[in-house]
Amino acid sequence: QYITGRKIALAMSLLDEGYSVADAARRLSFSSDTHFISVF
């Protein structure tokens, strides 16, 4: 849960900076875009 929370916080920062969903998922080492979207 703690690791996920940290990744979500980083994801928000990346999306705020203009990263695409796919780029954010890749940057945060998610297994796929679908997995990233589901966790978020």
Full PDB file with SEQRES, HELIX, SHEET, SSBOND, CRYST1, ORIGX, SCALE, CONECT and MASTER records, all heavy atoms in Angstrom:
SEQRES   1 A   40  GLN TYR ILE THR GLY ARG LYS ILE ALA LEU ALA MET SER          
SEQRES   2 A   40  LEU LEU ASP GLU GLY TYR SER VAL ALA ASP ALA ALA ARG          
SEQRES   3 A   40  ARG LEU SER PHE SER SER ASP THR HIS PHE ILE SER VAL          
SEQRES   4 A   40  PHE                                                          
HELIX    1 AA1 TYR A    2  ASP A   16  1                                  15    
HELIX    2 AA2 VAL A   21  ARG A   27  1                                   7    
HELIX    3 AA3 ASP A   33  VAL A   39  1                                   7    
CRYST1    1.000    1.000    1.000  90.00  90.00  90.00 P 1           1          
ORIGX1      1.000000  0.000000  0.000000        0.00000                         
ORIGX2      0.000000  1.000000  0.000000        0.00000                         
ORIGX3      0.000000  0.000000  1.000000        0.00000                         
SCALE1      1.000000  0.000000  0.000000        0.00000                         
SCALE2      0.000000  1.000000  0.000000        0.00000                         
SCALE3      0.000000  0.000000  1.000000        0.00000                         
ATOM      1  N   GLN A   1       0.822  -1.208   0.000  1.00  0.00           N  
ATOM      2  CA  GLN A   1       0.000   0.000   0.000  1.00  0.00           C  
ATOM      3  C   GLN A   1       0.857   1.258   0.000  1.00  0.00           C  
ATOM      4  O   GLN A   1       0.551   2.228  -0.697  1.00  0.00           O  
ATOM      5  CB  GLN A   1      -0.928  -0.003   1.224  1.00  0.00           C  
ATOM      6  CG  GLN A   1      -2.059  -0.995   1.149  1.00  0.00           C  
ATOM      7  CD  GLN A   1      -2.827  -1.095   2.457  1.00  0.00           C  
ATOM      8  OE1 GLN A   1      -2.287  -0.841   3.548  1.00  0.00           O  
ATOM      9  NE2 GLN A   1      -4.088  -1.463   2.371  1.00  0.00           N  
ATOM     10  N   TYR A   2       1.931   1.226   0.768  1.00  0.00           N  
ATOM     11  CA  TYR A   2       2.805   2.397   0.842  1.00  0.00           C  
ATOM     12  C   TYR A   2       3.501   2.639  -0.494  1.00  0.00           C  
ATOM     13  O   TYR A   2       3.600   3.774  -0.962  1.00  0.00           O  
ATOM     14  CB  TYR A   2       3.839   2.226   1.957  1.00  0.00           C  
ATOM     15  CG  TYR A   2       4.637   3.478   2.213  1.00  0.00           C  
ATOM     16  CD1 TYR A   2       4.146   4.462   3.064  1.00  0.00           C  
ATOM     17  CD2 TYR A   2       5.864   3.679   1.581  1.00  0.00           C  
ATOM     18  CE1 TYR A   2       4.874   5.624   3.284  1.00  0.00           C  
ATOM     19  CE2 TYR A   2       6.584   4.844   1.799  1.00  0.00           C  
ATOM     20  CZ  TYR A   2       6.085   5.805   2.650  1.00  0.00           C  
ATOM     21  OH  TYR A   2       6.793   6.972   2.859  1.00  0.00           O  
ATOM     22  N   ILE A   3       4.007   1.570  -1.104  1.00  0.00           N  
ATOM     23  CA  ILE A   3       4.669   1.701  -2.407  1.00  0.00           C  
ATOM     24  C   ILE A   3       3.694   2.221  -3.455  1.00  0.00           C  
ATOM     25  O   ILE A   3       4.025   3.112  -4.244  1.00  0.00           O  
ATOM     26  CB  ILE A   3       5.264   0.346  -2.841  1.00  0.00           C  
ATOM     27  CG1 ILE A   3       6.432  -0.035  -1.931  1.00  0.00           C  
ATOM     28  CG2 ILE A   3       5.719   0.398  -4.301  1.00  0.00           C  
ATOM     29  CD1 ILE A   3       6.952  -1.449  -2.138  1.00  0.00           C  
ATOM     30  N   THR A   4       2.474   1.692  -3.432  1.00  0.00           N  
ATOM     31  CA  THR A   4       1.457   2.165  -4.375  1.00  0.00           C  
ATOM     32  C   THR A   4       1.156   3.638  -4.164  1.00  0.00           C  
ATOM     33  O   THR A   4       1.027   4.403  -5.125  1.00  0.00           O  
ATOM     34  CB  THR A   4       0.166   1.341  -4.222  1.00  0.00           C  
ATOM     35  OG1 THR A   4       0.426  -0.023  -4.535  1.00  0.00           O  
ATOM     36  CG2 THR A   4      -0.932   1.865  -5.151  1.00  0.00           C  
ATOM     37  N   GLY A   5       1.061   4.042  -2.911  1.00  0.00           N  
ATOM     38  CA  GLY A   5       0.810   5.451  -2.616  1.00  0.00           C  
ATOM     39  C   GLY A   5       1.889   6.356  -3.171  1.00  0.00           C  
ATOM     40  O   GLY A   5       1.608   7.436  -3.706  1.00  0.00           O  
ATOM     41  N   ARG A   6       3.142   5.904  -3.042  1.00  0.00           N  
ATOM     42  CA  ARG A   6       4.253   6.699  -3.579  1.00  0.00           C  
ATOM     43  C   ARG A   6       4.179   6.772  -5.098  1.00  0.00           C  
ATOM     44  O   ARG A   6       4.389   7.835  -5.692  1.00  0.00           O  
ATOM     45  CB  ARG A   6       5.577   6.067  -3.145  1.00  0.00           C  
ATOM     46  CG  ARG A   6       6.821   6.746  -3.725  1.00  0.00           C  
ATOM     47  CD  ARG A   6       6.869   8.211  -3.372  1.00  0.00           C  
ATOM     48  NE  ARG A   6       8.041   8.866  -3.932  1.00  0.00           N  
ATOM     49  CZ  ARG A   6       8.156  10.172  -4.102  1.00  0.00           C  
ATOM     50  NH1 ARG A   6       7.155  10.979  -3.757  1.00  0.00           N  
ATOM     51  NH2 ARG A   6       9.253  10.702  -4.601  1.00  0.00           N  
ATOM     52  N   LYS A   7       3.867   5.668  -5.739  1.00  0.00           N  
ATOM     53  CA  LYS A   7       3.757   5.660  -7.193  1.00  0.00           C  
ATOM     54  C   LYS A   7       2.604   6.545  -7.676  1.00  0.00           C  
ATOM     55  O   LYS A   7       2.719   7.227  -8.694  1.00  0.00           O  
ATOM     56  CB  LYS A   7       3.585   4.226  -7.703  1.00  0.00           C  
ATOM     57  CG  LYS A   7       4.865   3.400  -7.665  1.00  0.00           C  
ATOM     58  CD  LYS A   7       4.692   2.065  -8.337  1.00  0.00           C  
ATOM     59  CE  LYS A   7       6.003   1.279  -8.365  1.00  0.00           C  
ATOM     60  NZ  LYS A   7       7.014   1.900  -9.268  1.00  0.00           N  
ATOM     61  N   ILE A   8       1.499   6.542  -6.946  1.00  0.00           N  
ATOM     62  CA  ILE A   8       0.365   7.393  -7.327  1.00  0.00           C  
ATOM     63  C   ILE A   8       0.745   8.867  -7.210  1.00  0.00           C  
ATOM     64  O   ILE A   8       0.417   9.688  -8.072  1.00  0.00           O  
ATOM     65  CB  ILE A   8      -0.867   7.090  -6.455  1.00  0.00           C  
ATOM     66  CG1 ILE A   8      -1.391   5.681  -6.755  1.00  0.00           C  
ATOM     67  CG2 ILE A   8      -1.964   8.122  -6.679  1.00  0.00           C  
ATOM     68  CD1 ILE A   8      -1.852   5.479  -8.176  1.00  0.00           C  
ATOM     69  N   ALA A   9       1.459   9.220  -6.136  1.00  0.00           N  
ATOM     70  CA  ALA A   9       1.903  10.607  -5.969  1.00  0.00           C  
ATOM     71  C   ALA A   9       2.831  11.013  -7.115  1.00  0.00           C  
ATOM     72  O   ALA A   9       2.718  12.126  -7.656  1.00  0.00           O  
ATOM     73  CB  ALA A   9       2.610  10.778  -4.626  1.00  0.00           C  
ATOM     74  N   LEU A  10       3.745  10.117  -7.488  1.00  0.00           N  
ATOM     75  CA  LEU A  10       4.639  10.406  -8.610  1.00  0.00           C  
ATOM     76  C   LEU A  10       3.861  10.491  -9.921  1.00  0.00           C  
ATOM     77  O   LEU A  10       4.158  11.336 -10.776  1.00  0.00           O  
ATOM     78  CB  LEU A  10       5.707   9.309  -8.719  1.00  0.00           C  
ATOM     79  CG  LEU A  10       6.796   9.303  -7.646  1.00  0.00           C  
ATOM     80  CD1 LEU A  10       7.652   8.044  -7.760  1.00  0.00           C  
ATOM     81  CD2 LEU A  10       7.671  10.542  -7.758  1.00  0.00           C  
ATOM     82  N   ALA A  11       2.861   9.634 -10.077  1.00  0.00           N  
ATOM     83  CA  ALA A  11       2.047   9.658 -11.292  1.00  0.00           C  
ATOM     84  C   ALA A  11       1.329  10.993 -11.437  1.00  0.00           C  
ATOM     85  O   ALA A  11       1.266  11.565 -12.535  1.00  0.00           O  
ATOM     86  CB  ALA A  11       1.034   8.511 -11.261  1.00  0.00           C  
ATOM     87  N   MET A  12       0.805  11.501 -10.342  1.00  0.00           N  
ATOM     88  CA  MET A  12       0.123  12.796 -10.378  1.00  0.00           C  
ATOM     89  C   MET A  12       1.084  13.899 -10.812  1.00  0.00           C  
ATOM     90  O   MET A  12       0.729  14.769 -11.619  1.00  0.00           O  
ATOM     91  CB  MET A  12      -0.472  13.117  -9.010  1.00  0.00           C  
ATOM     92  CG  MET A  12      -1.647  12.243  -8.629  1.00  0.00           C  
ATOM     93  SD  MET A  12      -2.208  12.601  -6.942  1.00  0.00           S  
ATOM     94  CE  MET A  12      -3.648  11.528  -6.850  1.00  0.00           C  
ATOM     95  N   SER A  13       2.294  13.847 -10.274  1.00  0.00           N  
ATOM     96  CA  SER A  13       3.283  14.863 -10.640  1.00  0.00           C  
ATOM     97  C   SER A  13       3.635  14.777 -12.122  1.00  0.00           C  
ATOM     98  O   SER A  13       3.746  15.802 -12.807  1.00  0.00           O  
ATOM     99  CB  SER A  13       4.552  14.685  -9.792  1.00  0.00           C  
ATOM    100  OG  SER A  13       4.291  14.889  -8.428  1.00  0.00           O  
ATOM    101  N   LEU A  14       3.807  13.560 -12.635  1.00  0.00           N  
ATOM    102  CA  LEU A  14       4.129  13.389 -14.049  1.00  0.00           C  
ATOM    103  C   LEU A  14       2.987  13.871 -14.939  1.00  0.00           C  
ATOM    104  O   LEU A  14       3.216  14.543 -15.953  1.00  0.00           O  
ATOM    105  CB  LEU A  14       4.431  11.912 -14.337  1.00  0.00           C  
ATOM    106  CG  LEU A  14       5.708  11.345 -13.703  1.00  0.00           C  
ATOM    107  CD1 LEU A  14       5.806   9.848 -13.958  1.00  0.00           C  
ATOM    108  CD2 LEU A  14       6.951  12.063 -14.234  1.00  0.00           C  
ATOM    109  N   LEU A  15       1.756  13.535 -14.571  1.00  0.00           N  
ATOM    110  CA  LEU A  15       0.600  13.978 -15.358  1.00  0.00           C  
ATOM    111  C   LEU A  15       0.463  15.491 -15.303  1.00  0.00           C  
ATOM    112  O   LEU A  15       0.100  16.127 -16.298  1.00  0.00           O  
ATOM    113  CB  LEU A  15      -0.671  13.302 -14.838  1.00  0.00           C  
ATOM    114  CG  LEU A  15      -0.740  11.777 -15.050  1.00  0.00           C  
ATOM    115  CD1 LEU A  15      -1.896  11.192 -14.256  1.00  0.00           C  
ATOM    116  CD2 LEU A  15      -0.867  11.439 -16.527  1.00  0.00           C  
ATOM    117  N   ASP A  16       0.764  16.081 -14.141  1.00  0.00           N  
ATOM    118  CA  ASP A  16       0.744  17.551 -14.025  1.00  0.00           C  
ATOM    119  C   ASP A  16       1.773  18.188 -14.951  1.00  0.00           C  
ATOM    120  O   ASP A  16       1.574  19.299 -15.450  1.00  0.00           O  
ATOM    121  CB  ASP A  16       1.027  17.976 -12.574  1.00  0.00           C  
ATOM    122  CG  ASP A  16      -0.136  17.691 -11.647  1.00  0.00           C  
ATOM    123  OD1 ASP A  16      -1.253  17.479 -12.148  1.00  0.00           O  
ATOM    124  OD2 ASP A  16       0.078  17.668 -10.421  1.00  0.00           O  
ATOM    125  N   GLU A  17       2.888  17.489 -15.166  1.00  0.00           N  
ATOM    126  CA  GLU A  17       3.955  18.012 -16.020  1.00  0.00           C  
ATOM    127  C   GLU A  17       3.673  17.803 -17.511  1.00  0.00           C  
ATOM    128  O   GLU A  17       4.434  18.268 -18.359  1.00  0.00           O  
ATOM    129  CB  GLU A  17       5.284  17.341 -15.671  1.00  0.00           C  
ATOM    130  CG  GLU A  17       5.803  17.701 -14.288  1.00  0.00           C  
ATOM    131  CD  GLU A  17       7.034  16.890 -13.906  1.00  0.00           C  
ATOM    132  OE1 GLU A  17       7.617  16.255 -14.816  1.00  0.00           O  
ATOM    133  OE2 GLU A  17       7.393  16.870 -12.716  1.00  0.00           O  
ATOM    134  N   GLY A  18       2.584  17.086 -17.815  1.00  0.00           N  
ATOM    135  CA  GLY A  18       2.217  16.893 -19.208  1.00  0.00           C  
ATOM    136  C   GLY A  18       2.575  15.541 -19.793  1.00  0.00           C  
ATOM    137  O   GLY A  18       2.402  15.320 -20.995  1.00  0.00           O  
ATOM    138  N   TYR A  19       3.062  14.603 -18.967  1.00  0.00           N  
ATOM    139  CA  TYR A  19       3.344  13.255 -19.459  1.00  0.00           C  
ATOM    140  C   TYR A  19       2.044  12.592 -19.904  1.00  0.00           C  
ATOM    141  O   TYR A  19       0.984  12.788 -19.299  1.00  0.00           O  
ATOM    142  CB  TYR A  19       3.978  12.400 -18.359  1.00  0.00           C  
ATOM    143  CG  TYR A  19       5.455  12.598 -18.178  1.00  0.00           C  
ATOM    144  CD1 TYR A  19       5.964  13.777 -17.629  1.00  0.00           C  
ATOM    145  CD2 TYR A  19       6.357  11.606 -18.532  1.00  0.00           C  
ATOM    146  CE1 TYR A  19       7.325  13.962 -17.440  1.00  0.00           C  
ATOM    147  CE2 TYR A  19       7.728  11.769 -18.348  1.00  0.00           C  
ATOM    148  CZ  TYR A  19       8.201  12.946 -17.803  1.00  0.00           C  
ATOM    149  OH  TYR A  19       9.548  13.131 -17.618  1.00  0.00           O  
ATOM    150  N   SER A  20       2.117  11.772 -20.924  1.00  0.00           N  
ATOM    151  CA  SER A  20       0.963  10.987 -21.349  1.00  0.00           C  
ATOM    152  C   SER A  20       0.763   9.838 -20.372  1.00  0.00           C  
ATOM    153  O   SER A  20       1.664   9.504 -19.579  1.00  0.00           O  
ATOM    154  CB  SER A  20       1.173  10.440 -22.757  1.00  0.00           C  
ATOM    155  OG  SER A  20       2.196   9.444 -22.761  1.00  0.00           O  
ATOM    156  N   VAL A  21      -0.402   9.210 -20.422  1.00  0.00           N  
ATOM    157  CA  VAL A  21      -0.675   8.066 -19.562  1.00  0.00           C  
ATOM    158  C   VAL A  21       0.322   6.952 -19.827  1.00  0.00           C  
ATOM    159  O   VAL A  21       0.873   6.345 -18.897  1.00  0.00           O  
ATOM    160  CB  VAL A  21      -2.119   7.563 -19.780  1.00  0.00           C  
ATOM    161  CG1 VAL A  21      -2.360   6.257 -19.020  1.00  0.00           C  
ATOM    162  CG2 VAL A  21      -3.133   8.622 -19.331  1.00  0.00           C  
ATOM    163  N   ALA A  22       0.586   6.691 -21.099  1.00  0.00           N  
ATOM    164  CA  ALA A  22       1.524   5.622 -21.457  1.00  0.00           C  
ATOM    165  C   ALA A  22       2.935   5.922 -20.962  1.00  0.00           C  
ATOM    166  O   ALA A  22       3.622   5.041 -20.428  1.00  0.00           O  
ATOM    167  CB  ALA A  22       1.527   5.421 -22.970  1.00  0.00           C  
ATOM    168  N   ASP A  23       3.368   7.176 -21.103  1.00  0.00           N  
ATOM    169  CA  ASP A  23       4.715   7.548 -20.662  1.00  0.00           C  
ATOM    170  C   ASP A  23       4.839   7.468 -19.149  1.00  0.00           C  
ATOM    171  O   ASP A  23       5.871   7.046 -18.606  1.00  0.00           O  
ATOM    172  CB  ASP A  23       5.064   8.954 -21.144  1.00  0.00           C  
ATOM    173  CG  ASP A  23       5.342   9.000 -22.645  1.00  0.00           C  
ATOM    174  OD1 ASP A  23       5.607   7.935 -23.224  1.00  0.00           O  
ATOM    175  OD2 ASP A  23       5.284  10.109 -23.216  1.00  0.00           O  
ATOM    176  N   ALA A  24       3.785   7.891 -18.447  1.00  0.00           N  
ATOM    177  CA  ALA A  24       3.807   7.826 -16.986  1.00  0.00           C  
ATOM    178  C   ALA A  24       3.857   6.378 -16.517  1.00  0.00           C  
ATOM    179  O   ALA A  24       4.610   6.034 -15.593  1.00  0.00           O  
ATOM    180  CB  ALA A  24       2.579   8.524 -16.409  1.00  0.00           C  
ATOM    181  N   ALA A  25       3.072   5.516 -17.155  1.00  0.00           N  
ATOM    182  CA  ALA A  25       3.063   4.097 -16.789  1.00  0.00           C  
ATOM    183  C   ALA A  25       4.444   3.483 -16.992  1.00  0.00           C  
ATOM    184  O   ALA A  25       4.938   2.727 -16.143  1.00  0.00           O  
ATOM    185  CB  ALA A  25       2.022   3.355 -17.618  1.00  0.00           C  
ATOM    186  N   ARG A  26       5.072   3.820 -18.092  1.00  0.00           N  
ATOM    187  CA  ARG A  26       6.410   3.284 -18.403  1.00  0.00           C  
ATOM    188  C   ARG A  26       7.451   3.831 -17.424  1.00  0.00           C  
ATOM    189  O   ARG A  26       8.307   3.096 -16.928  1.00  0.00           O  
ATOM    190  CB  ARG A  26       6.781   3.661 -19.835  1.00  0.00           C  
ATOM    191  CG  ARG A  26       7.996   2.931 -20.376  1.00  0.00           C  
ATOM    192  CD  ARG A  26       8.275   3.329 -21.811  1.00  0.00           C  
ATOM    193  NE  ARG A  26       7.099   3.197 -22.660  1.00  0.00           N  
ATOM    194  CZ  ARG A  26       6.409   4.219 -23.168  1.00  0.00           C  
ATOM    195  NH1 ARG A  26       6.796   5.466 -22.920  1.00  0.00           N  
ATOM    196  NH2 ARG A  26       5.357   4.022 -23.933  1.00  0.00           N  
ATOM    197  N   ARG A  27       7.352   5.107 -17.132  1.00  0.00           N  
ATOM    198  CA  ARG A  27       8.313   5.754 -16.228  1.00  0.00           C  
ATOM    199  C   ARG A  27       8.241   5.148 -14.821  1.00  0.00           C  
ATOM    200  O   ARG A  27       9.266   5.044 -14.125  1.00  0.00           O  
ATOM    201  CB  ARG A  27       8.007   7.251 -16.183  1.00  0.00           C  
ATOM    202  CG  ARG A  27       8.881   8.078 -15.255  1.00  0.00           C  
ATOM    203  CD  ARG A  27      10.218   8.404 -15.895  1.00  0.00           C  
ATOM    204  NE  ARG A  27      11.005   9.247 -15.037  1.00  0.00           N  
ATOM    205  CZ  ARG A  27      11.046  10.584 -15.124  1.00  0.00           C  
ATOM    206  NH1 ARG A  27      10.336  11.207 -16.054  1.00  0.00           N  
ATOM    207  NH2 ARG A  27      11.804  11.288 -14.320  1.00  0.00           N  
ATOM    208  N   LEU A  28       7.054   4.728 -14.418  1.00  0.00           N  
ATOM    209  CA  LEU A  28       6.863   4.217 -13.063  1.00  0.00           C  
ATOM    210  C   LEU A  28       6.918   2.691 -12.995  1.00  0.00           C  
ATOM    211  O   LEU A  28       6.571   2.102 -11.973  1.00  0.00           O  
ATOM    212  CB  LEU A  28       5.524   4.719 -12.512  1.00  0.00           C  
ATOM    213  CG  LEU A  28       5.423   6.238 -12.337  1.00  0.00           C  
ATOM    214  CD1 LEU A  28       4.020   6.649 -11.956  1.00  0.00           C  
ATOM    215  CD2 LEU A  28       6.421   6.724 -11.287  1.00  0.00           C  
ATOM    216  N   SER A  29       7.350   2.062 -14.074  1.00  0.00           N  
ATOM    217  CA  SER A  29       7.594   0.614 -14.108  1.00  0.00           C  
ATOM    218  C   SER A  29       6.337  -0.224 -13.918  1.00  0.00           C  
ATOM    219  O   SER A  29       6.390  -1.332 -13.347  1.00  0.00           O  
ATOM    220  CB  SER A  29       8.637   0.213 -13.048  1.00  0.00           C  
ATOM    221  OG  SER A  29       9.839   0.917 -13.235  1.00  0.00           O  
ATOM    222  N   PHE A  30       5.192   0.270 -14.361  1.00  0.00           N  
ATOM    223  CA  PHE A  30       3.990  -0.561 -14.353  1.00  0.00           C  
ATOM    224  C   PHE A  30       4.099  -1.573 -15.485  1.00  0.00           C  
ATOM    225  O   PHE A  30       4.700  -1.305 -16.531  1.00  0.00           O  
ATOM    226  CB  PHE A  30       2.738   0.295 -14.517  1.00  0.00           C  
ATOM    227  CG  PHE A  30       2.308   0.975 -13.254  1.00  0.00           C  
ATOM    228  CD1 PHE A  30       2.776   2.241 -12.934  1.00  0.00           C  
ATOM    229  CD2 PHE A  30       1.441   0.344 -12.372  1.00  0.00           C  
ATOM    230  CE1 PHE A  30       2.385   2.871 -11.760  1.00  0.00           C  
ATOM    231  CE2 PHE A  30       1.044   0.960 -11.195  1.00  0.00           C  
ATOM    232  CZ  PHE A  30       1.514   2.228 -10.883  1.00  0.00           C  
ATOM    233  N   SER A  31       3.473  -2.738 -15.298  1.00  0.00           N  
ATOM    234  CA  SER A  31       3.580  -3.806 -16.289  1.00  0.00           C  
ATOM    235  C   SER A  31       2.895  -3.461 -17.596  1.00  0.00           C  
ATOM    236  O   SER A  31       3.270  -3.979 -18.659  1.00  0.00           O  
ATOM    237  CB  SER A  31       3.000  -5.112 -15.726  1.00  0.00           C  
ATOM    238  OG  SER A  31       1.633  -4.931 -15.359  1.00  0.00           O  
ATOM    239  N   SER A  32       1.879  -2.586 -17.535  1.00  0.00           N  
ATOM    240  CA  SER A  32       1.159  -2.186 -18.741  1.00  0.00           C  
ATOM    241  C   SER A  32       0.375  -0.914 -18.466  1.00  0.00           C  
ATOM    242  O   SER A  32       0.166  -0.532 -17.296  1.00  0.00           O  
ATOM    243  CB  SER A  32       0.194  -3.290 -19.193  1.00  0.00           C  
ATOM    244  OG  SER A  32      -0.847  -3.463 -18.241  1.00  0.00           O  
ATOM    245  N   ASP A  33      -0.080  -0.256 -19.509  1.00  0.00           N  
ATOM    246  CA  ASP A  33      -0.931   0.925 -19.352  1.00  0.00           C  
ATOM    247  C   ASP A  33      -2.210   0.551 -18.613  1.00  0.00           C  
ATOM    248  O   ASP A  33      -2.700   1.303 -17.767  1.00  0.00           O  
ATOM    249  CB  ASP A  33      -1.302   1.519 -20.718  1.00  0.00           C  
ATOM    250  CG  ASP A  33      -0.091   2.037 -21.476  1.00  0.00           C  
ATOM    251  OD1 ASP A  33       1.021   1.976 -20.923  1.00  0.00           O  
ATOM    252  OD2 ASP A  33      -0.268   2.497 -22.618  1.00  0.00           O  
ATOM    253  N   THR A  34      -2.755  -0.612 -18.950  1.00  0.00           N  
ATOM    254  CA  THR A  34      -4.005  -1.067 -18.330  1.00  0.00           C  
ATOM    255  C   THR A  34      -3.840  -1.245 -16.827  1.00  0.00           C  
ATOM    256  O   THR A  34      -4.709  -0.844 -16.038  1.00  0.00           O  
ATOM    257  CB  THR A  34      -4.456  -2.397 -18.955  1.00  0.00           C  
ATOM    258  OG1 THR A  34      -4.621  -2.234 -20.365  1.00  0.00           O  
ATOM    259  CG2 THR A  34      -5.777  -2.860 -18.344  1.00  0.00           C  
ATOM    260  N   HIS A  35      -2.705  -1.819 -16.428  1.00  0.00           N  
ATOM    261  CA  HIS A  35      -2.443  -2.004 -15.000  1.00  0.00           C  
ATOM    262  C   HIS A  35      -2.319  -0.648 -14.297  1.00  0.00           C  
ATOM    263  O   HIS A  35      -2.873  -0.437 -13.207  1.00  0.00           O  
ATOM    264  CB  HIS A  35      -1.161  -2.814 -14.816  1.00  0.00           C  
ATOM    265  CG  HIS A  35      -0.837  -3.085 -13.379  1.00  0.00           C  
ATOM    266  ND1 HIS A  35       0.455  -3.073 -12.897  1.00  0.00           N  
ATOM    267  CD2 HIS A  35      -1.629  -3.351 -12.324  1.00  0.00           C  
ATOM    268  CE1 HIS A  35       0.438  -3.331 -11.602  1.00  0.00           C  
ATOM    269  NE2 HIS A  35      -0.812  -3.510 -11.224  1.00  0.00           N  
ATOM    270  N   PHE A  36      -1.619   0.269 -14.914  1.00  0.00           N  
ATOM    271  CA  PHE A  36      -1.457   1.612 -14.351  1.00  0.00           C  
ATOM    272  C   PHE A  36      -2.811   2.297 -14.186  1.00  0.00           C  
ATOM    273  O   PHE A  36      -3.115   2.869 -13.133  1.00  0.00           O  
ATOM    274  CB  PHE A  36      -0.552   2.444 -15.260  1.00  0.00           C  
ATOM    275  CG  PHE A  36      -0.482   3.901 -14.898  1.00  0.00           C  
ATOM    276  CD1 PHE A  36      -0.132   4.312 -13.621  1.00  0.00           C  
ATOM    277  CD2 PHE A  36      -0.778   4.874 -15.848  1.00  0.00           C  
ATOM    278  CE1 PHE A  36      -0.067   5.655 -13.284  1.00  0.00           C  
ATOM    279  CE2 PHE A  36      -0.717   6.221 -15.526  1.00  0.00           C  
ATOM    280  CZ  PHE A  36      -0.362   6.613 -14.240  1.00  0.00           C  
ATOM    281  N   ILE A  37      -3.638   2.243 -15.216  1.00  0.00           N  
ATOM    282  CA  ILE A  37      -4.956   2.887 -15.164  1.00  0.00           C  
ATOM    283  C   ILE A  37      -5.805   2.267 -14.067  1.00  0.00           C  
ATOM    284  O   ILE A  37      -6.485   2.968 -13.307  1.00  0.00           O  
ATOM    285  CB  ILE A  37      -5.662   2.761 -16.534  1.00  0.00           C  
ATOM    286  CG1 ILE A  37      -4.918   3.582 -17.581  1.00  0.00           C  
ATOM    287  CG2 ILE A  37      -7.123   3.225 -16.430  1.00  0.00           C  
ATOM    288  CD1 ILE A  37      -5.370   3.322 -19.000  1.00  0.00           C  
ATOM    289  N   SER A  38      -5.753   0.935 -13.934  1.00  0.00           N  
ATOM    290  CA  SER A  38      -6.541   0.238 -12.919  1.00  0.00           C  
ATOM    291  C   SER A  38      -6.117   0.635 -11.510  1.00  0.00           C  
ATOM    292  O   SER A  38      -6.960   0.929 -10.645  1.00  0.00           O  
ATOM    293  CB  SER A  38      -6.386  -1.276 -13.103  1.00  0.00           C  
ATOM    294  OG  SER A  38      -7.043  -1.979 -12.073  1.00  0.00           O  
ATOM    295  N   VAL A  39      -4.810   0.679 -11.263  1.00  0.00           N  
ATOM    296  CA  VAL A  39      -4.299   1.037  -9.929  1.00  0.00           C  
ATOM    297  C   VAL A  39      -4.622   2.492  -9.610  1.00  0.00           C  
ATOM    298  O   VAL A  39      -5.040   2.825  -8.490  1.00  0.00           O  
ATOM    299  CB  VAL A  39      -2.779   0.791  -9.856  1.00  0.00           C  
ATOM    300  CG1 VAL A  39      -2.197   1.354  -8.562  1.00  0.00           C  
ATOM    301  CG2 VAL A  39      -2.484  -0.695  -9.962  1.00  0.00           C  
ATOM    302  N   PHE A  40      -4.446   3.370 -10.580  1.00  0.00           N  
ATOM    303  CA  PHE A  40      -4.716   4.790 -10.373  1.00  0.00           C  
ATOM    304  C   PHE A  40      -6.190   5.012 -10.044  1.00  0.00           C  
ATOM    305  O   PHE A  40      -6.530   5.731  -9.097  1.00  0.00           O  
ATOM    306  CB  PHE A  40      -4.336   5.577 -11.631  1.00  0.00           C  
ATOM    307  CG  PHE A  40      -4.286   7.069 -11.428  1.00  0.00           C  
ATOM    308  CD1 PHE A  40      -3.080   7.706 -11.199  1.00  0.00           C  
ATOM    309  CD2 PHE A  40      -5.443   7.837 -11.462  1.00  0.00           C  
ATOM    310  CE1 PHE A  40      -3.019   9.082 -11.006  1.00  0.00           C  
ATOM    311  CE2 PHE A  40      -5.398   9.207 -11.272  1.00  0.00           C  
ATOM    312  CZ  PHE A  40      -4.182   9.828 -11.039  1.00  0.00           C  
TER     313      PHE A  40                                                      
MASTER        0    0    0    3    0    0    0    6  312    1    0    4          
END                                                                             
